[in-house]
Every structure is written in structure tokens, then in C-alpha cells.
Amino acid sequence: MNIELNQIQTEIVRSAIASGKYSNAEAVIAEMISLFQIKRMREQIAIGAQQIANGQITDGESVFYDLQSRLTR
């Protein structure tokens, strides 16, 4: 896959490589994607924590009973 970076993004990648931590642009982009995924997971966890705080929860036994009922239909 080929992607185009703007001037600022290109400089960020070059700077990261120049730091010696990354050997090439692919390594920098891979780390950025990983960090993006971690950020999204943290956002989802925060949403779940807020739902729990608001009492928006379902008892685990109810969930498994519902799933089992769907499977045996």
C-alpha cells in the first residue's frame, strides 16, 4: 500500500528515523498504528467504565443464558 504524507507528517517520520529508534518509515508507521489502536481501546474502556458507573450493566448470567437460548433455537 502506498500512502501520501503531507509535509508535517513527512518531517515527523524523518525525525523519528533520525532519532535512531526506527530503522525506516514502515517501522514508524507501524508504531503509530499500534498507538492508534491502543488509544481506541482506551476510549472503549472509558465508555464501558462510564456505562458501569451509570448502572448500564447486564448480569453475566443473564448474558450467557440469552446466548445459550439463541444457540439452541
PDB file of N, CA and C in Angstrom:
ATOM      1  N   MET A   1       0.841  -1.168   0.000  1.00  0.00           N
ATOM      2  CA  MET A   1       0.000   0.000   0.000  1.00  0.00           C
ATOM      3  C   MET A   1       0.887   1.232   0.000  1.00  0.00           C
ATOM      4  N   ASN A   2       0.528   2.168  -0.805  1.00  0.00           N
ATOM      5  CA  ASN A   2       1.251   3.430  -0.840  1.00  0.00           C
ATOM      6  C   ASN A   2       0.380   4.508  -0.224  1.00  0.00           C
ATOM      7  N   ILE A   3       0.982   5.324   0.614  1.00  0.00           N
ATOM      8  CA  ILE A   3       0.249   6.436   1.213  1.00  0.00           C
ATOM      9  C   ILE A   3       1.034   7.713   0.985  1.00  0.00           C
ATOM     10  N   GLU A   4       0.312   8.810   0.919  1.00  0.00           N
ATOM     11  CA  GLU A   4       0.961  10.106   0.775  1.00  0.00           C
ATOM     12  C   GLU A   4       0.876  10.846   2.096  1.00  0.00           C
ATOM     13  N   LEU A   5       1.990  11.378   2.519  1.00  0.00           N
ATOM     14  CA  LEU A   5       2.044  12.153   3.750  1.00  0.00           C
ATOM     15  C   LEU A   5       2.201  13.625   3.400  1.00  0.00           C
ATOM     16  N   ASN A   6       1.607  14.476   4.225  1.00  0.00           N
ATOM     17  CA  ASN A   6       1.839  15.900   3.990  1.00  0.00           C
ATOM     18  C   ASN A   6       3.223  16.259   4.531  1.00  0.00           C
ATOM     19  N   GLN A   7       3.604  17.505   4.363  1.00  0.00           N
ATOM     20  CA  GLN A   7       4.960  17.934   4.735  1.00  0.00           C
ATOM     21  C   GLN A   7       5.229  17.738   6.229  1.00  0.00           C
ATOM     22  N   ILE A   8       4.267  18.061   7.055  1.00  0.00           N
ATOM     23  CA  ILE A   8       4.457  17.918   8.505  1.00  0.00           C
ATOM     24  C   ILE A   8       4.589  16.455   8.884  1.00  0.00           C
ATOM     25  N   GLN A   9       3.744  15.602   8.329  1.00  0.00           N
ATOM     26  CA  GLN A   9       3.802  14.173   8.620  1.00  0.00           C
ATOM     27  C   GLN A   9       5.130  13.579   8.157  1.00  0.00           C
ATOM     28  N   THR A  10       5.577  14.001   6.975  1.00  0.00           N
ATOM     29  CA  THR A  10       6.849  13.517   6.449  1.00  0.00           C
ATOM     30  C   THR A  10       7.997  13.898   7.376  1.00  0.00           C
ATOM     31  N   GLU A  11       7.963  15.119   7.894  1.00  0.00           N
ATOM     32  CA  GLU A  11       9.023  15.564   8.807  1.00  0.00           C
ATOM     33  C   GLU A  11       8.983  14.782  10.113  1.00  0.00           C
ATOM     34  N   ILE A  12       7.793  14.465  10.591  1.00  0.00           N
ATOM     35  CA  ILE A  12       7.678  13.662  11.813  1.00  0.00           C
ATOM     36  C   ILE A  12       8.313  12.297  11.600  1.00  0.00           C
ATOM     37  N   VAL A  13       8.029  11.677  10.472  1.00  0.00           N
ATOM     38  CA  VAL A  13       8.600  10.357  10.168  1.00  0.00           C
ATOM     39  C   VAL A  13      10.113  10.458  10.040  1.00  0.00           C
ATOM     40  N   ARG A  14      10.585  11.448   9.311  1.00  0.00           N
ATOM     41  CA  ARG A  14      12.042  11.618   9.151  1.00  0.00           C
ATOM     42  C   ARG A  14      12.723  11.853  10.495  1.00  0.00           C
ATOM     43  N   SER A  15      12.106  12.665  11.327  1.00  0.00           N
ATOM     44  CA  SER A  15      12.678  12.952  12.645  1.00  0.00           C
ATOM     45  C   SER A  15      12.736  11.687  13.507  1.00  0.00           C
ATOM     46  N   ALA A  16      11.690  10.877  13.416  1.00  0.00           N
ATOM     47  CA  ALA A  16      11.667   9.630  14.186  1.00  0.00           C
ATOM     48  C   ALA A  16      12.780   8.693  13.729  1.00  0.00           C
ATOM     49  N   ILE A  17      12.990   8.619  12.426  1.00  0.00           N
ATOM     50  CA  ILE A  17      14.070   7.774  11.897  1.00  0.00           C
ATOM     51  C   ILE A  17      15.423   8.339  12.328  1.00  0.00           C
ATOM     52  N   ALA A  18      15.572   9.659  12.254  1.00  0.00           N
ATOM     53  CA  ALA A  18      16.836  10.306  12.631  1.00  0.00           C
ATOM     54  C   ALA A  18      17.164  10.094  14.106  1.00  0.00           C
ATOM     55  N   SER A  19      16.137   9.874  14.934  1.00  0.00           N
ATOM     56  CA  SER A  19      16.377   9.663  16.355  1.00  0.00           C
ATOM     57  C   SER A  19      17.103   8.349  16.616  1.00  0.00           C
ATOM     58  N   GLY A  20      17.067   7.452  15.625  1.00  0.00           N
ATOM     59  CA  GLY A  20      17.723   6.166  15.767  1.00  0.00           C
ATOM     60  C   GLY A  20      16.832   5.074  16.335  1.00  0.00           C
ATOM     61  N   LYS A  21      15.656   5.434  16.764  1.00  0.00           N
ATOM     62  CA  LYS A  21      14.748   4.443  17.341  1.00  0.00           C
ATOM     63  C   LYS A  21      14.117   3.572  16.251  1.00  0.00           C
ATOM     64  N   TYR A  22      13.961   4.112  15.065  1.00  0.00           N
ATOM     65  CA  TYR A  22      13.321   3.399  13.962  1.00  0.00           C
ATOM     66  C   TYR A  22      14.284   3.286  12.794  1.00  0.00           C
ATOM     67  N   SER A  23      14.219   2.149  12.117  1.00  0.00           N
ATOM     68  CA  SER A  23      15.146   1.932  11.002  1.00  0.00           C
ATOM     69  C   SER A  23      14.609   2.444   9.677  1.00  0.00           C
ATOM     70  N   ASN A  24      13.286   2.580   9.580  1.00  0.00           N
ATOM     71  CA  ASN A  24      12.700   3.043   8.319  1.00  0.00           C
ATOM     72  C   ASN A  24      11.292   3.582   8.566  1.00  0.00           C
ATOM     73  N   ALA A  25      10.701   4.130   7.505  1.00  0.00           N
ATOM     74  CA  ALA A  25       9.372   4.729   7.613  1.00  0.00           C
ATOM     75  C   ALA A  25       8.314   3.690   7.991  1.00  0.00           C
ATOM     76  N   GLU A  26       8.466   2.475   7.490  1.00  0.00           N
ATOM     77  CA  GLU A  26       7.496   1.431   7.793  1.00  0.00           C
ATOM     78  C   GLU A  26       7.423   1.156   9.294  1.00  0.00           C
ATOM     79  N   ALA A  27       8.578   1.170   9.961  1.00  0.00           N
ATOM     80  CA  ALA A  27       8.615   0.936  11.410  1.00  0.00           C
ATOM     81  C   ALA A  27       7.927   2.073  12.157  1.00  0.00           C
ATOM     82  N   VAL A  28       8.120   3.292  11.687  1.00  0.00           N
ATOM     83  CA  VAL A  28       7.475   4.447  12.315  1.00  0.00           C
ATOM     84  C   VAL A  28       5.964   4.346  12.159  1.00  0.00           C
ATOM     85  N   ILE A  29       5.510   4.057  10.954  1.00  0.00           N
ATOM     86  CA  ILE A  29       4.076   3.952  10.688  1.00  0.00           C
ATOM     87  C   ILE A  29       3.468   2.800  11.483  1.00  0.00           C
ATOM     88  N   ALA A  30       4.162   1.666  11.573  1.00  0.00           N
ATOM     89  CA  ALA A  30       3.662   0.523  12.345  1.00  0.00           C
ATOM     90  C   ALA A  30       3.459   0.912  13.806  1.00  0.00           C
ATOM     91  N   GLU A  31       4.408   1.655  14.363  1.00  0.00           N
ATOM     92  CA  GLU A  31       4.275   2.106  15.759  1.00  0.00           C
ATOM     93  C   GLU A  31       3.108   3.069  15.906  1.00  0.00           C
ATOM     94  N   MET A  32       2.951   3.961  14.953  1.00  0.00           N
ATOM     95  CA  MET A  32       1.843   4.908  15.006  1.00  0.00           C
ATOM     96  C   MET A  32       0.499   4.190  14.965  1.00  0.00           C
ATOM     97  N   ILE A  33       0.395   3.188  14.120  1.00  0.00           N
ATOM     98  CA  ILE A  33      -0.847   2.412  14.037  1.00  0.00           C
ATOM     99  C   ILE A  33      -1.096   1.695  15.358  1.00  0.00           C
ATOM    100  N   SER A  34      -0.058   1.134  15.933  1.00  0.00           N
ATOM    101  CA  SER A  34      -0.188   0.455  17.221  1.00  0.00           C
ATOM    102  C   SER A  34      -0.672   1.415  18.302  1.00  0.00           C
ATOM    103  N   LEU A  35      -0.104   2.603  18.330  1.00  0.00           N
ATOM    104  CA  LEU A  35      -0.514   3.605  19.317  1.00  0.00           C
ATOM    105  C   LEU A  35      -1.951   4.049  19.076  1.00  0.00           C
ATOM    106  N   PHE A  36      -2.343   4.146  17.820  1.00  0.00           N
ATOM    107  CA  PHE A  36      -3.722   4.493  17.483  1.00  0.00           C
ATOM    108  C   PHE A  36      -4.677   3.426  17.994  1.00  0.00           C
ATOM    109  N   GLN A  37      -4.303   2.168  17.818  1.00  0.00           N
ATOM    110  CA  GLN A  37      -5.151   1.074  18.303  1.00  0.00           C
ATOM    111  C   GLN A  37      -5.268   1.103  19.822  1.00  0.00           C
ATOM    112  N   ILE A  38      -4.170   1.370  20.502  1.00  0.00           N
ATOM    113  CA  ILE A  38      -4.190   1.464  21.961  1.00  0.00           C
ATOM    114  C   ILE A  38      -5.100   2.604  22.404  1.00  0.00           C
ATOM    115  N   LYS A  39      -5.015   3.738  21.704  1.00  0.00           N
ATOM    116  CA  LYS A  39      -5.869   4.886  22.024  1.00  0.00           C
ATOM    117  C   LYS A  39      -7.336   4.513  21.864  1.00  0.00           C
ATOM    118  N   ARG A  40      -7.679   3.816  20.796  1.00  0.00           N
ATOM    119  CA  ARG A  40      -9.072   3.419  20.573  1.00  0.00           C
ATOM    120  C   ARG A  40      -9.547   2.446  21.645  1.00  0.00           C
ATOM    121  N   MET A  41      -8.680   1.512  22.061  1.00  0.00           N
ATOM    122  CA  MET A  41      -9.058   0.580  23.121  1.00  0.00           C
ATOM    123  C   MET A  41      -9.305   1.327  24.428  1.00  0.00           C
ATOM    124  N   ARG A  42      -8.459   2.290  24.740  1.00  0.00           N
ATOM    125  CA  ARG A  42      -8.639   3.072  25.966  1.00  0.00           C
ATOM    126  C   ARG A  42      -9.953   3.849  25.925  1.00  0.00           C
ATOM    127  N   GLU A  43     -10.300   4.368  24.748  1.00  0.00           N
ATOM    128  CA  GLU A  43     -11.569   5.076  24.608  1.00  0.00           C
ATOM    129  C   GLU A  43     -12.737   4.128  24.856  1.00  0.00           C
ATOM    130  N   GLN A  44     -12.655   2.913  24.314  1.00  0.00           N
ATOM    131  CA  GLN A  44     -13.713   1.933  24.516  1.00  0.00           C
ATOM    132  C   GLN A  44     -13.816   1.517  25.985  1.00  0.00           C
ATOM    133  N   ILE A  45     -12.678   1.366  26.634  1.00  0.00           N
ATOM    134  CA  ILE A  45     -12.668   1.035  28.064  1.00  0.00           C
ATOM    135  C   ILE A  45     -13.306   2.166  28.867  1.00  0.00           C
ATOM    136  N   ALA A  46     -12.991   3.408  28.514  1.00  0.00           N
ATOM    137  CA  ALA A  46     -13.570   4.556  29.211  1.00  0.00           C
ATOM    138  C   ALA A  46     -15.086   4.581  29.033  1.00  0.00           C
ATOM    139  N   ILE A  47     -15.557   4.263  27.838  1.00  0.00           N
ATOM    140  CA  ILE A  47     -17.004   4.205  27.594  1.00  0.00           C
ATOM    141  C   ILE A  47     -17.628   3.128  28.475  1.00  0.00           C
ATOM    142  N   GLY A  48     -17.006   1.956  28.508  1.00  0.00           N
ATOM    143  CA  GLY A  48     -17.513   0.867  29.339  1.00  0.00           C
ATOM    144  C   GLY A  48     -17.520   1.226  30.811  1.00  0.00           C
ATOM    145  N   ALA A  49     -16.473   1.883  31.269  1.00  0.00           N
ATOM    146  CA  ALA A  49     -16.399   2.289  32.676  1.00  0.00           C
ATOM    147  C   ALA A  49     -17.502   3.292  32.994  1.00  0.00           C
ATOM    148  N   GLN A  50     -17.764   4.195  32.066  1.00  0.00           N
ATOM    149  CA  GLN A  50     -18.823   5.176  32.274  1.00  0.00           C
ATOM    150  C   GLN A  50     -20.191   4.496  32.300  1.00  0.00           C
ATOM    151  N   GLN A  51     -20.386   3.509  31.429  1.00  0.00           N
ATOM    152  CA  GLN A  51     -21.643   2.762  31.429  1.00  0.00           C
ATOM    153  C   GLN A  51     -21.841   2.025  32.757  1.00  0.00           C
ATOM    154  N   ILE A  52     -20.775   1.445  33.270  1.00  0.00           N
ATOM    155  CA  ILE A  52     -20.857   0.766  34.564  1.00  0.00           C
ATOM    156  C   ILE A  52     -21.214   1.776  35.655  1.00  0.00           C
ATOM    157  N   ALA A  53     -20.558   2.933  35.631  1.00  0.00           N
ATOM    158  CA  ALA A  53     -20.826   3.969  36.629  1.00  0.00           C
ATOM    159  C   ALA A  53     -22.273   4.450  36.556  1.00  0.00           C
ATOM    160  N   ASN A  54     -22.853   4.423  35.348  1.00  0.00           N
ATOM    161  CA  ASN A  54     -24.242   4.849  35.152  1.00  0.00           C
ATOM    162  C   ASN A  54     -25.238   3.730  35.424  1.00  0.00           C
ATOM    163  N   GLY A  55     -24.721   2.548  35.793  1.00  0.00           N
ATOM    164  CA  GLY A  55     -25.606   1.425  36.066  1.00  0.00           C
ATOM    165  C   GLY A  55     -26.096   0.717  34.819  1.00  0.00           C
ATOM    166  N   GLN A  56     -25.468   0.989  33.687  1.00  0.00           N
ATOM    167  CA  GLN A  56     -25.861   0.373  32.423  1.00  0.00           C
ATOM    168  C   GLN A  56     -25.115  -0.944  32.248  1.00  0.00           C
ATOM    169  N   ILE A  57     -25.468  -1.903  33.084  1.00  0.00           N
ATOM    170  CA  ILE A  57     -24.790  -3.195  33.039  1.00  0.00           C
ATOM    171  C   ILE A  57     -25.814  -4.310  32.975  1.00  0.00           C
ATOM    172  N   THR A  58     -25.353  -5.446  32.517  1.00  0.00           N
ATOM    173  CA  THR A  58     -26.192  -6.642  32.480  1.00  0.00           C
ATOM    174  C   THR A  58     -25.476  -7.737  33.246  1.00  0.00           C
ATOM    175  N   ASP A  59     -26.213  -8.435  34.066  1.00  0.00           N
ATOM    176  CA  ASP A  59     -25.661  -9.534  34.829  1.00  0.00           C
ATOM    177  C   ASP A  59     -25.071 -10.578  33.875  1.00  0.00           C
ATOM    178  N   GLY A  60     -23.892 -11.071  34.181  1.00  0.00           N
ATOM    179  CA  GLY A  60     -23.215 -12.051  33.331  1.00  0.00           C
ATOM    180  C   GLY A  60     -24.030 -13.304  33.093  1.00  0.00           C
ATOM    181  N   GLU A  61     -24.694 -13.792  34.115  1.00  0.00           N
ATOM    182  CA  GLU A  61     -25.513 -14.994  33.968  1.00  0.00           C
ATOM    183  C   GLU A  61     -26.634 -14.764  32.967  1.00  0.00           C
ATOM    184  N   SER A  62     -27.207 -13.573  32.963  1.00  0.00           N
ATOM    185  CA  SER A  62     -28.269 -13.250  32.006  1.00  0.00           C
ATOM    186  C   SER A  62     -27.750 -13.262  30.579  1.00  0.00           C
ATOM    187  N   VAL A  63     -26.557 -12.750  30.405  1.00  0.00           N
ATOM    188  CA  VAL A  63     -25.951 -12.723  29.071  1.00  0.00           C
ATOM    189  C   VAL A  63     -25.730 -14.144  28.573  1.00  0.00           C
ATOM    190  N   PHE A  64     -25.154 -14.988  29.401  1.00  0.00           N
ATOM    191  CA  PHE A  64     -24.895 -16.365  28.979  1.00  0.00           C
ATOM    192  C   PHE A  64     -26.190 -17.134  28.746  1.00  0.00           C
ATOM    193  N   TYR A  65     -27.202 -16.887  29.556  1.00  0.00           N
ATOM    194  CA  TYR A  65     -28.500 -17.545  29.363  1.00  0.00           C
ATOM    195  C   TYR A  65     -29.090 -17.138  28.014  1.00  0.00           C
ATOM    196  N   ASP A  66     -29.011 -15.843  27.700  1.00  0.00           N
ATOM    197  CA  ASP A  66     -29.525 -15.341  26.427  1.00  0.00           C
ATOM    198  C   ASP A  66     -28.770 -15.955  25.252  1.00  0.00           C
ATOM    199  N   LEU A  67     -27.456 -16.012  25.348  1.00  0.00           N
ATOM    200  CA  LEU A  67     -26.650 -16.608  24.279  1.00  0.00           C
ATOM    201  C   LEU A  67     -26.983 -18.088  24.098  1.00  0.00           C
ATOM    202  N   GLN A  68     -27.123 -18.800  25.201  1.00  0.00           N
ATOM    203  CA  GLN A  68     -27.440 -20.213  25.130  1.00  0.00           C
ATOM    204  C   GLN A  68     -28.820 -20.428  24.508  1.00  0.00           C
ATOM    205  N   SER A  69     -29.755 -19.572  24.858  1.00  0.00           N
ATOM    206  CA  SER A  69     -31.090 -19.676  24.284  1.00  0.00           C
ATOM    207  C   SER A  69     -31.065 -19.458  22.776  1.00  0.00           C
ATOM    208  N   ARG A  70     -30.261 -18.514  22.334  1.00  0.00           N
ATOM    209  CA  ARG A  70     -30.146 -18.252  20.885  1.00  0.00           C
ATOM    210  C   ARG A  70     -29.520 -19.421  20.155  1.00  0.00           C
ATOM    211  N   LEU A  71     -28.551 -20.061  20.770  1.00  0.00           N
ATOM    212  CA  LEU A  71     -27.863 -21.190  20.125  1.00  0.00           C
ATOM    213  C   LEU A  71     -28.727 -22.442  20.023  1.00  0.00           C
ATOM    214  N   THR A  72     -29.657 -22.591  20.956  1.00  0.00           N
ATOM    215  CA  THR A  72     -30.474 -23.811  20.968  1.00  0.00           C
ATOM    216  C   THR A  72     -31.777 -23.665  20.196  1.00  0.00           C
ATOM    217  N   ARG A  73     -31.994 -22.534  19.589  1.00  0.00           N
ATOM    218  CA  ARG A  73     -33.217 -22.318  18.803  1.00  0.00           C
ATOM    219  C   ARG A  73     -33.161 -23.079  17.508  1.00  0.00           C
TER     220      ARG A  73
END
